[in-house]
Every structure is written in C-alpha cells, then in structure tokens.
Amino acid sequence: MNLYNQEEVDRIAKVKEVNDKMEDFFNDKRIEWSKNVDPLFKTLALDFSMPASHKEILNTQALALSFRQVLNEEVNLFLNKRSKESTKIKRLRQDRFVFYATGFGIKTNMGEKGILIDGHLAENERAMEIIESHIQFLRDTVKNLESLGFAIKNMVELMNYLGK
C-alpha cells in the first residue's frame, strides 16, 4: 500500500524545493549581515599606533544602532513567517490524522499514526527549523551589536579620562 498519493508527493516536493531556496536565501542574508557588521568591530581594535578617531567611533555607534533596528524588524518579520508555518503544520497534522484514522486501509494505533504523520510533515518541520535558525542568527547579531555599543561607551569614557 502506498502511503503517499501523487498530490501528497507533489506537495512534499514543492515544500522541499521552497526549503532549499529558503536555505540559500538565509545563507546569503547571513553573509550580507556579516559583511555589514564585521567592520564595526574593527573600530574597537586597540591599535595605539593608529587609534580610531572620535568620528569613526561615533559613526560605528550610529551604524550599530541602525543595524540593531533593522535586525529587530527582520526578527519580527520572520517570527510572523514562523507563526504562519506553525499554523499550516497544525492543519496538515490534523488532515493527516483524519486520513490515518478514517481513510487509511490499515488499522494503526496512535504511535503509528504519529510516525506516519511525522513522515508527511518532515519538510514542513524543516521549514520551521530553517526559519528558527535564521531568527537565532539575527538575535545573536543584535546581542553582539548591543555588546559593541557598551564597548564603545566604555572606550569613549576611557578616551575622555585619558584626555584624548
């Protein structure tokens, strides 16, 4: 007996294709964010032979604040996407449960139904994991920028103390 009808096979293949594209998109976004954020941390490099100017430090602080705002907006965008995906998975899980409880030719217990349903929804669960991974990256980047802000504040205080 075939557990997957052609419609379900097509649905799973489409979700897999979307997931693969989403992974590539998020990888590109992570590279882009790293290129934007990494130079900010170089401002803090303690090279006394060529210390960062006040202007560079203030510019870095302003960029860090701007990037944090953009990142927080992206986090909210992807939290909404994750929420929609979660709702979709719950509906799919319900549909698959009804199928295995009423339309499946073999009697199954709850554990067996769960295993069968998990197989059908594996790519949808993968989508959730991909989104969650990107949200975590964004949140970690925000935390790094917050730490940068504190480090800049301390650097400015030190410069003021030293009279530079």
N, C-alpha and C. Protein backbone atom coordinates (compact mmCIF):
# COMPACT_ATOMS: atom_id res chain seq x y z
N MET A 1 0.84 -1.18 0.00
CA MET A 1 0.00 0.00 0.00
C MET A 1 0.89 1.25 0.00
N ASN A 2 0.59 2.19 -0.87
CA ASN A 2 1.34 3.43 -0.97
C ASN A 2 0.82 4.44 0.04
N LEU A 3 1.71 4.93 0.93
CA LEU A 3 1.30 5.90 1.95
C LEU A 3 1.11 7.30 1.37
N TYR A 4 1.69 7.55 0.22
CA TYR A 4 1.64 8.87 -0.38
C TYR A 4 0.88 8.82 -1.70
N ASN A 5 -0.17 9.63 -1.84
CA ASN A 5 -0.79 9.76 -3.14
C ASN A 5 0.00 10.82 -3.92
N GLN A 6 -0.24 10.92 -5.20
CA GLN A 6 0.56 11.81 -6.05
C GLN A 6 0.45 13.26 -5.58
N GLU A 7 -0.71 13.65 -5.14
CA GLU A 7 -0.90 15.02 -4.65
C GLU A 7 0.01 15.30 -3.45
N GLU A 8 0.10 14.33 -2.55
CA GLU A 8 0.95 14.49 -1.36
C GLU A 8 2.42 14.49 -1.75
N VAL A 9 2.81 13.65 -2.69
CA VAL A 9 4.19 13.61 -3.17
C VAL A 9 4.55 14.96 -3.77
N ASP A 10 3.65 15.52 -4.58
CA ASP A 10 3.90 16.83 -5.19
C ASP A 10 4.00 17.93 -4.13
N ARG A 11 3.15 17.87 -3.11
CA ARG A 11 3.18 18.87 -2.04
C ARG A 11 4.51 18.82 -1.31
N ILE A 12 4.96 17.62 -0.97
CA ILE A 12 6.23 17.44 -0.24
C ILE A 12 7.40 17.92 -1.11
N ALA A 13 7.38 17.60 -2.39
CA ALA A 13 8.46 18.03 -3.30
C ALA A 13 8.50 19.55 -3.40
N LYS A 14 7.33 20.17 -3.46
CA LYS A 14 7.27 21.64 -3.55
C LYS A 14 7.81 22.26 -2.26
N VAL A 15 7.44 21.73 -1.10
CA VAL A 15 7.93 22.26 0.17
C VAL A 15 9.45 22.09 0.25
N LYS A 16 9.96 20.95 -0.21
CA LYS A 16 11.41 20.72 -0.21
C LYS A 16 12.11 21.75 -1.09
N GLU A 17 11.57 22.00 -2.26
CA GLU A 17 12.16 22.99 -3.18
C GLU A 17 12.16 24.39 -2.54
N VAL A 18 11.06 24.76 -1.91
CA VAL A 18 10.96 26.05 -1.23
C VAL A 18 11.97 26.11 -0.09
N ASN A 19 12.10 25.02 0.67
CA ASN A 19 13.07 24.98 1.77
C ASN A 19 14.50 25.17 1.28
N ASP A 20 14.84 24.50 0.18
CA ASP A 20 16.19 24.63 -0.36
C ASP A 20 16.47 26.08 -0.77
N LYS A 21 15.48 26.73 -1.40
CA LYS A 21 15.63 28.13 -1.79
C LYS A 21 15.72 29.03 -0.56
N MET A 22 14.92 28.71 0.47
CA MET A 22 14.93 29.50 1.69
C MET A 22 16.29 29.37 2.38
N GLU A 23 16.86 28.18 2.39
CA GLU A 23 18.19 27.99 2.98
C GLU A 23 19.23 28.84 2.25
N ASP A 24 19.19 28.83 0.93
CA ASP A 24 20.12 29.64 0.14
C ASP A 24 19.93 31.13 0.43
N PHE A 25 18.68 31.56 0.50
CA PHE A 25 18.36 32.96 0.79
C PHE A 25 18.92 33.36 2.15
N PHE A 26 18.67 32.54 3.17
CA PHE A 26 19.15 32.86 4.51
C PHE A 26 20.67 32.83 4.60
N ASN A 27 21.29 31.91 3.88
CA ASN A 27 22.76 31.89 3.85
C ASN A 27 23.30 33.19 3.26
N ASP A 28 22.68 33.65 2.18
CA ASP A 28 23.08 34.91 1.56
C ASP A 28 22.87 36.08 2.52
N LYS A 29 21.75 36.07 3.24
CA LYS A 29 21.46 37.14 4.20
C LYS A 29 22.49 37.14 5.33
N ARG A 30 22.88 35.96 5.80
CA ARG A 30 23.88 35.89 6.87
C ARG A 30 25.22 36.43 6.39
N ILE A 31 25.61 36.09 5.19
CA ILE A 31 26.85 36.61 4.62
C ILE A 31 26.77 38.13 4.50
N GLU A 32 25.65 38.63 4.02
CA GLU A 32 25.45 40.07 3.87
C GLU A 32 25.54 40.79 5.22
N TRP A 33 24.87 40.23 6.23
CA TRP A 33 24.91 40.84 7.56
C TRP A 33 26.33 40.81 8.14
N SER A 34 27.03 39.72 7.93
CA SER A 34 28.40 39.63 8.43
C SER A 34 29.29 40.68 7.77
N LYS A 35 29.11 40.89 6.46
CA LYS A 35 29.89 41.91 5.76
C LYS A 35 29.58 43.31 6.29
N ASN A 36 28.32 43.54 6.68
CA ASN A 36 27.93 44.85 7.21
C ASN A 36 28.42 45.08 8.63
N VAL A 37 28.38 44.04 9.45
CA VAL A 37 28.61 44.19 10.89
C VAL A 37 30.08 44.00 11.26
N ASP A 38 30.76 43.09 10.62
CA ASP A 38 32.16 42.79 11.00
C ASP A 38 33.07 44.02 11.02
N PRO A 39 32.98 44.92 10.03
CA PRO A 39 33.86 46.09 10.07
C PRO A 39 33.64 46.98 11.31
N LEU A 40 32.45 46.96 11.86
CA LEU A 40 32.18 47.78 13.04
C LEU A 40 33.04 47.35 14.22
N PHE A 41 33.28 46.07 14.33
CA PHE A 41 34.05 45.55 15.45
C PHE A 41 35.54 45.88 15.32
N LYS A 42 35.98 46.17 14.11
CA LYS A 42 37.39 46.53 13.90
C LYS A 42 37.69 47.91 14.51
N THR A 43 36.66 48.72 14.69
CA THR A 43 36.84 50.03 15.32
C THR A 43 37.38 49.88 16.73
N LEU A 44 37.03 48.78 17.37
CA LEU A 44 37.44 48.56 18.75
C LEU A 44 38.84 47.99 18.88
N ALA A 45 39.43 47.63 17.78
CA ALA A 45 40.78 47.04 17.84
C ALA A 45 41.72 48.05 18.49
N LEU A 46 42.37 47.61 19.52
CA LEU A 46 43.25 48.51 20.27
C LEU A 46 44.62 48.57 19.62
N ASP A 47 44.71 49.42 18.62
CA ASP A 47 45.98 49.66 17.95
C ASP A 47 46.40 51.08 18.32
N PHE A 48 47.25 51.20 19.33
CA PHE A 48 47.61 52.52 19.84
C PHE A 48 48.46 53.31 18.85
N SER A 49 49.06 52.63 17.88
CA SER A 49 49.83 53.36 16.88
C SER A 49 48.90 54.12 15.93
N MET A 50 47.65 53.61 15.78
CA MET A 50 46.68 54.27 14.91
C MET A 50 45.29 54.09 15.51
N PRO A 51 44.99 54.75 16.63
CA PRO A 51 43.68 54.57 17.28
C PRO A 51 42.56 55.16 16.43
N ALA A 52 41.37 54.63 16.63
CA ALA A 52 40.20 55.11 15.90
C ALA A 52 39.90 56.55 16.33
N SER A 53 39.48 57.35 15.37
CA SER A 53 39.14 58.74 15.68
C SER A 53 37.77 58.80 16.36
N HIS A 54 37.51 59.95 16.97
CA HIS A 54 36.19 60.14 17.59
C HIS A 54 35.08 59.98 16.55
N LYS A 55 35.35 60.51 15.36
CA LYS A 55 34.35 60.43 14.29
C LYS A 55 34.06 58.97 13.91
N GLU A 56 35.12 58.18 13.80
CA GLU A 56 34.94 56.75 13.47
C GLU A 56 34.14 56.04 14.56
N ILE A 57 34.46 56.37 15.80
CA ILE A 57 33.77 55.72 16.92
C ILE A 57 32.30 56.10 16.94
N LEU A 58 32.00 57.39 16.74
CA LEU A 58 30.60 57.83 16.71
C LEU A 58 29.85 57.24 15.52
N ASN A 59 30.53 57.16 14.38
CA ASN A 59 29.92 56.56 13.19
C ASN A 59 29.61 55.08 13.44
N THR A 60 30.54 54.40 14.07
CA THR A 60 30.33 52.98 14.39
C THR A 60 29.14 52.81 15.34
N GLN A 61 29.07 53.69 16.33
CA GLN A 61 27.97 53.62 17.29
C GLN A 61 26.63 53.85 16.58
N ALA A 62 26.59 54.83 15.69
CA ALA A 62 25.35 55.13 14.95
C ALA A 62 24.96 53.96 14.05
N LEU A 63 25.94 53.40 13.35
CA LEU A 63 25.65 52.26 12.48
C LEU A 63 25.16 51.06 13.29
N ALA A 64 25.76 50.83 14.44
CA ALA A 64 25.34 49.70 15.28
C ALA A 64 23.89 49.87 15.71
N LEU A 65 23.51 51.09 16.08
CA LEU A 65 22.11 51.34 16.46
C LEU A 65 21.17 51.13 15.28
N SER A 66 21.58 51.62 14.12
CA SER A 66 20.74 51.45 12.91
C SER A 66 20.58 49.98 12.56
N PHE A 67 21.69 49.27 12.58
CA PHE A 67 21.64 47.84 12.25
C PHE A 67 20.78 47.08 13.24
N ARG A 68 20.87 47.42 14.52
CA ARG A 68 20.04 46.75 15.54
C ARG A 68 18.57 46.93 15.22
N GLN A 69 18.18 48.14 14.82
CA GLN A 69 16.78 48.40 14.48
C GLN A 69 16.34 47.56 13.29
N VAL A 70 17.14 47.54 12.26
CA VAL A 70 16.81 46.76 11.06
C VAL A 70 16.73 45.28 11.41
N LEU A 71 17.67 44.79 12.20
CA LEU A 71 17.67 43.38 12.60
C LEU A 71 16.43 43.04 13.42
N ASN A 72 16.05 43.91 14.33
CA ASN A 72 14.84 43.66 15.12
C ASN A 72 13.60 43.60 14.24
N GLU A 73 13.55 44.44 13.22
CA GLU A 73 12.43 44.39 12.27
C GLU A 73 12.43 43.06 11.51
N GLU A 74 13.62 42.61 11.12
CA GLU A 74 13.71 41.32 10.43
C GLU A 74 13.29 40.17 11.35
N VAL A 75 13.69 40.24 12.61
CA VAL A 75 13.28 39.20 13.56
C VAL A 75 11.76 39.12 13.61
N ASN A 76 11.10 40.27 13.71
CA ASN A 76 9.64 40.28 13.76
C ASN A 76 9.02 39.75 12.48
N LEU A 77 9.61 40.09 11.35
CA LEU A 77 9.12 39.58 10.07
C LEU A 77 9.16 38.05 10.04
N PHE A 78 10.29 37.49 10.47
CA PHE A 78 10.45 36.04 10.41
C PHE A 78 9.70 35.33 11.53
N LEU A 79 9.45 36.01 12.65
CA LEU A 79 8.58 35.43 13.69
C LEU A 79 7.17 35.28 13.13
N ASN A 80 6.72 36.26 12.36
CA ASN A 80 5.39 36.15 11.72
C ASN A 80 5.37 35.02 10.71
N LYS A 81 6.44 34.88 9.95
CA LYS A 81 6.52 33.78 8.96
C LYS A 81 6.49 32.44 9.68
N ARG A 82 7.24 32.35 10.79
CA ARG A 82 7.26 31.11 11.58
C ARG A 82 5.87 30.80 12.13
N SER A 83 5.16 31.82 12.57
CA SER A 83 3.81 31.63 13.10
C SER A 83 2.87 31.08 12.03
N LYS A 84 2.96 31.62 10.83
CA LYS A 84 2.12 31.13 9.72
C LYS A 84 2.46 29.68 9.39
N GLU A 85 3.76 29.37 9.40
CA GLU A 85 4.19 28.00 9.11
C GLU A 85 3.70 27.04 10.19
N SER A 86 3.72 27.49 11.42
CA SER A 86 3.24 26.66 12.53
C SER A 86 1.75 26.35 12.38
N THR A 87 0.99 27.34 12.00
CA THR A 87 -0.45 27.14 11.77
C THR A 87 -0.68 26.15 10.63
N LYS A 88 0.11 26.29 9.56
CA LYS A 88 -0.01 25.39 8.42
C LYS A 88 0.29 23.95 8.84
N ILE A 89 1.33 23.77 9.65
CA ILE A 89 1.71 22.43 10.11
C ILE A 89 0.59 21.82 10.95
N LYS A 90 -0.02 22.61 11.81
CA LYS A 90 -1.12 22.09 12.64
C LYS A 90 -2.28 21.64 11.78
N ARG A 91 -2.60 22.41 10.75
CA ARG A 91 -3.69 21.99 9.85
C ARG A 91 -3.32 20.72 9.09
N LEU A 92 -2.09 20.66 8.60
CA LEU A 92 -1.64 19.46 7.88
C LEU A 92 -1.64 18.24 8.80
N ARG A 93 -1.19 18.43 10.03
CA ARG A 93 -1.17 17.34 11.01
C ARG A 93 -2.60 16.82 11.24
N GLN A 94 -3.53 17.74 11.38
CA GLN A 94 -4.93 17.36 11.58
C GLN A 94 -5.46 16.59 10.36
N ASP A 95 -5.20 17.10 9.17
CA ASP A 95 -5.66 16.43 7.96
C ASP A 95 -5.09 15.02 7.84
N ARG A 96 -3.79 14.89 8.11
CA ARG A 96 -3.15 13.58 8.04
C ARG A 96 -3.71 12.65 9.11
N PHE A 97 -3.99 13.17 10.30
CA PHE A 97 -4.55 12.34 11.36
C PHE A 97 -5.93 11.82 10.95
N VAL A 98 -6.75 12.70 10.42
CA VAL A 98 -8.09 12.27 9.97
C VAL A 98 -7.96 11.21 8.90
N PHE A 99 -7.01 11.40 7.97
CA PHE A 99 -6.81 10.40 6.93
C PHE A 99 -6.42 9.05 7.52
N TYR A 100 -5.44 9.03 8.43
CA TYR A 100 -4.99 7.77 9.01
C TYR A 100 -6.01 7.16 9.96
N ALA A 101 -6.89 7.98 10.52
CA ALA A 101 -7.91 7.46 11.42
C ALA A 101 -9.12 6.92 10.67
N THR A 102 -9.41 7.50 9.50
CA THR A 102 -10.65 7.12 8.82
C THR A 102 -10.46 6.57 7.41
N GLY A 103 -9.48 7.07 6.65
CA GLY A 103 -9.37 6.70 5.24
C GLY A 103 -8.23 5.77 4.91
N PHE A 104 -7.42 5.41 5.87
CA PHE A 104 -6.27 4.56 5.63
C PHE A 104 -6.73 3.11 5.71
N GLY A 105 -6.25 2.29 4.82
CA GLY A 105 -6.71 0.91 4.74
C GLY A 105 -6.20 0.00 5.84
N ILE A 106 -5.25 0.44 6.64
CA ILE A 106 -4.67 -0.39 7.70
C ILE A 106 -4.96 0.27 9.04
N LYS A 107 -5.38 -0.53 10.00
CA LYS A 107 -5.63 -0.01 11.33
C LYS A 107 -4.29 0.30 12.01
N THR A 108 -4.21 1.51 12.56
CA THR A 108 -2.98 1.94 13.23
C THR A 108 -3.31 2.48 14.60
N ASN A 109 -2.34 2.35 15.53
CA ASN A 109 -2.53 2.95 16.85
C ASN A 109 -2.00 4.39 16.81
N MET A 110 -2.11 5.08 17.94
CA MET A 110 -1.70 6.50 17.99
C MET A 110 -0.22 6.68 17.67
N GLY A 111 0.62 5.81 18.20
CA GLY A 111 2.06 5.92 17.95
C GLY A 111 2.39 5.75 16.49
N GLU A 112 1.76 4.78 15.86
CA GLU A 112 1.99 4.53 14.44
C GLU A 112 1.49 5.70 13.60
N LYS A 113 0.31 6.23 13.98
CA LYS A 113 -0.21 7.40 13.27
C LYS A 113 0.77 8.56 13.38
N GLY A 114 1.32 8.75 14.57
CA GLY A 114 2.28 9.83 14.78
C GLY A 114 3.51 9.70 13.90
N ILE A 115 4.02 8.49 13.78
CA ILE A 115 5.19 8.25 12.93
C ILE A 115 4.86 8.53 11.47
N LEU A 116 3.70 8.07 11.03
CA LEU A 116 3.30 8.31 9.64
C LEU A 116 3.11 9.80 9.36
N ILE A 117 2.47 10.47 10.29
CA ILE A 117 2.23 11.91 10.14
C ILE A 117 3.55 12.66 10.12
N ASP A 118 4.47 12.30 11.02
CA ASP A 118 5.78 12.95 11.06
C ASP A 118 6.50 12.83 9.72
N GLY A 119 6.37 11.68 9.08
CA GLY A 119 6.99 11.47 7.77
C GLY A 119 6.42 12.41 6.73
N HIS A 120 5.10 12.61 6.78
CA HIS A 120 4.45 13.51 5.83
C HIS A 120 4.85 14.96 6.05
N LEU A 121 5.11 15.32 7.29
CA LEU A 121 5.34 16.72 7.63
C LEU A 121 6.82 17.07 7.83
N ALA A 122 7.70 16.15 7.52
CA ALA A 122 9.13 16.37 7.77
C ALA A 122 9.65 17.63 7.08
N GLU A 123 9.29 17.85 5.85
CA GLU A 123 9.77 19.04 5.14
C GLU A 123 9.17 20.32 5.72
N ASN A 124 7.92 20.26 6.18
CA ASN A 124 7.32 21.43 6.82
C ASN A 124 8.02 21.74 8.13
N GLU A 125 8.37 20.69 8.86
CA GLU A 125 9.13 20.88 10.11
C GLU A 125 10.51 21.46 9.80
N ARG A 126 11.11 21.01 8.71
CA ARG A 126 12.40 21.55 8.29
C ARG A 126 12.30 23.04 8.01
N ALA A 127 11.20 23.46 7.39
CA ALA A 127 10.98 24.89 7.13
C ALA A 127 10.99 25.68 8.43
N MET A 128 10.31 25.14 9.44
CA MET A 128 10.28 25.81 10.74
C MET A 128 11.68 25.91 11.32
N GLU A 129 12.47 24.85 11.21
CA GLU A 129 13.83 24.84 11.74
C GLU A 129 14.73 25.83 11.01
N ILE A 130 14.55 25.95 9.71
CA ILE A 130 15.34 26.90 8.91
C ILE A 130 15.02 28.33 9.35
N ILE A 131 13.74 28.61 9.50
CA ILE A 131 13.32 29.95 9.93
C ILE A 131 13.83 30.23 11.34
N GLU A 132 13.68 29.25 12.23
CA GLU A 132 14.12 29.42 13.61
C GLU A 132 15.63 29.65 13.67
N SER A 133 16.38 28.95 12.86
CA SER A 133 17.83 29.12 12.81
C SER A 133 18.19 30.55 12.40
N HIS A 134 17.48 31.07 11.41
CA HIS A 134 17.77 32.42 10.95
C HIS A 134 17.38 33.45 12.02
N ILE A 135 16.26 33.23 12.67
CA ILE A 135 15.85 34.13 13.76
C ILE A 135 16.92 34.14 14.84
N GLN A 136 17.46 32.98 15.17
CA GLN A 136 18.51 32.91 16.20
C GLN A 136 19.76 33.66 15.75
N PHE A 137 20.12 33.52 14.48
CA PHE A 137 21.26 34.27 13.96
C PHE A 137 21.03 35.77 14.11
N LEU A 138 19.83 36.23 13.74
CA LEU A 138 19.52 37.65 13.84
C LEU A 138 19.58 38.13 15.29
N ARG A 139 19.02 37.33 16.19
CA ARG A 139 19.04 37.71 17.61
C ARG A 139 20.47 37.74 18.15
N ASP A 140 21.29 36.79 17.75
CA ASP A 140 22.68 36.78 18.19
C ASP A 140 23.43 38.00 17.67
N THR A 141 23.13 38.38 16.43
CA THR A 141 23.76 39.56 15.85
C THR A 141 23.34 40.82 16.61
N VAL A 142 22.06 40.90 16.99
CA VAL A 142 21.58 42.03 17.79
C VAL A 142 22.34 42.08 19.12
N LYS A 143 22.49 40.93 19.77
CA LYS A 143 23.23 40.88 21.04
C LYS A 143 24.67 41.34 20.86
N ASN A 144 25.30 40.91 19.78
CA ASN A 144 26.68 41.34 19.50
C ASN A 144 26.76 42.85 19.31
N LEU A 145 25.76 43.41 18.62
CA LEU A 145 25.75 44.85 18.42
C LEU A 145 25.49 45.60 19.73
N GLU A 146 24.68 45.02 20.60
CA GLU A 146 24.46 45.62 21.92
C GLU A 146 25.78 45.63 22.70
N SER A 147 26.49 44.53 22.65
CA SER A 147 27.78 44.46 23.33
C SER A 147 28.75 45.47 22.73
N LEU A 148 28.73 45.64 21.43
CA LEU A 148 29.56 46.63 20.76
C LEU A 148 29.23 48.03 21.28
N GLY A 149 27.94 48.31 21.43
CA GLY A 149 27.52 49.61 21.95
C GLY A 149 28.09 49.88 23.33
N PHE A 150 28.06 48.87 24.20
CA PHE A 150 28.64 49.03 25.54
C PHE A 150 30.15 49.21 25.47
N ALA A 151 30.78 48.47 24.58
CA ALA A 151 32.23 48.59 24.44
C ALA A 151 32.61 49.99 23.93
N ILE A 152 31.84 50.52 23.01
CA ILE A 152 32.10 51.87 22.50
C ILE A 152 31.91 52.89 23.61
N LYS A 153 30.85 52.72 24.38
CA LYS A 153 30.61 53.63 25.51
C LYS A 153 31.81 53.62 26.46
N ASN A 154 32.29 52.43 26.78
CA ASN A 154 33.45 52.32 27.66
C ASN A 154 34.70 52.93 27.04
N MET A 155 34.85 52.74 25.73
CA MET A 155 36.01 53.30 25.03
C MET A 155 35.96 54.83 25.08
N VAL A 156 34.77 55.39 24.86
CA VAL A 156 34.62 56.85 24.90
C VAL A 156 34.94 57.37 26.30
N GLU A 157 34.46 56.67 27.31
CA GLU A 157 34.76 57.08 28.69
C GLU A 157 36.26 57.01 28.97
N LEU A 158 36.89 55.98 28.47
CA LEU A 158 38.35 55.85 28.66
C LEU A 158 39.08 56.97 27.94
N MET A 159 38.66 57.28 26.73
CA MET A 159 39.29 58.36 25.96
C MET A 159 39.11 59.70 26.69
N ASN A 160 37.92 59.92 27.23
CA ASN A 160 37.68 61.15 27.99
C ASN A 160 38.56 61.20 29.23
N TYR A 161 38.68 60.09 29.89
CA TYR A 161 39.51 60.01 31.10
C TYR A 161 40.97 60.29 30.77
N LEU A 162 41.42 59.71 29.65
CA LEU A 162 42.81 59.89 29.25
C LEU A 162 43.05 61.24 28.57
N GLY A 163 41.96 61.94 28.27
CA GLY A 163 42.07 63.25 27.65
C GLY A 163 42.41 63.23 26.19
N LYS A 164 41.95 62.21 25.48
CA LYS A 164 42.25 62.10 24.04
C LYS A 164 41.08 62.59 23.22
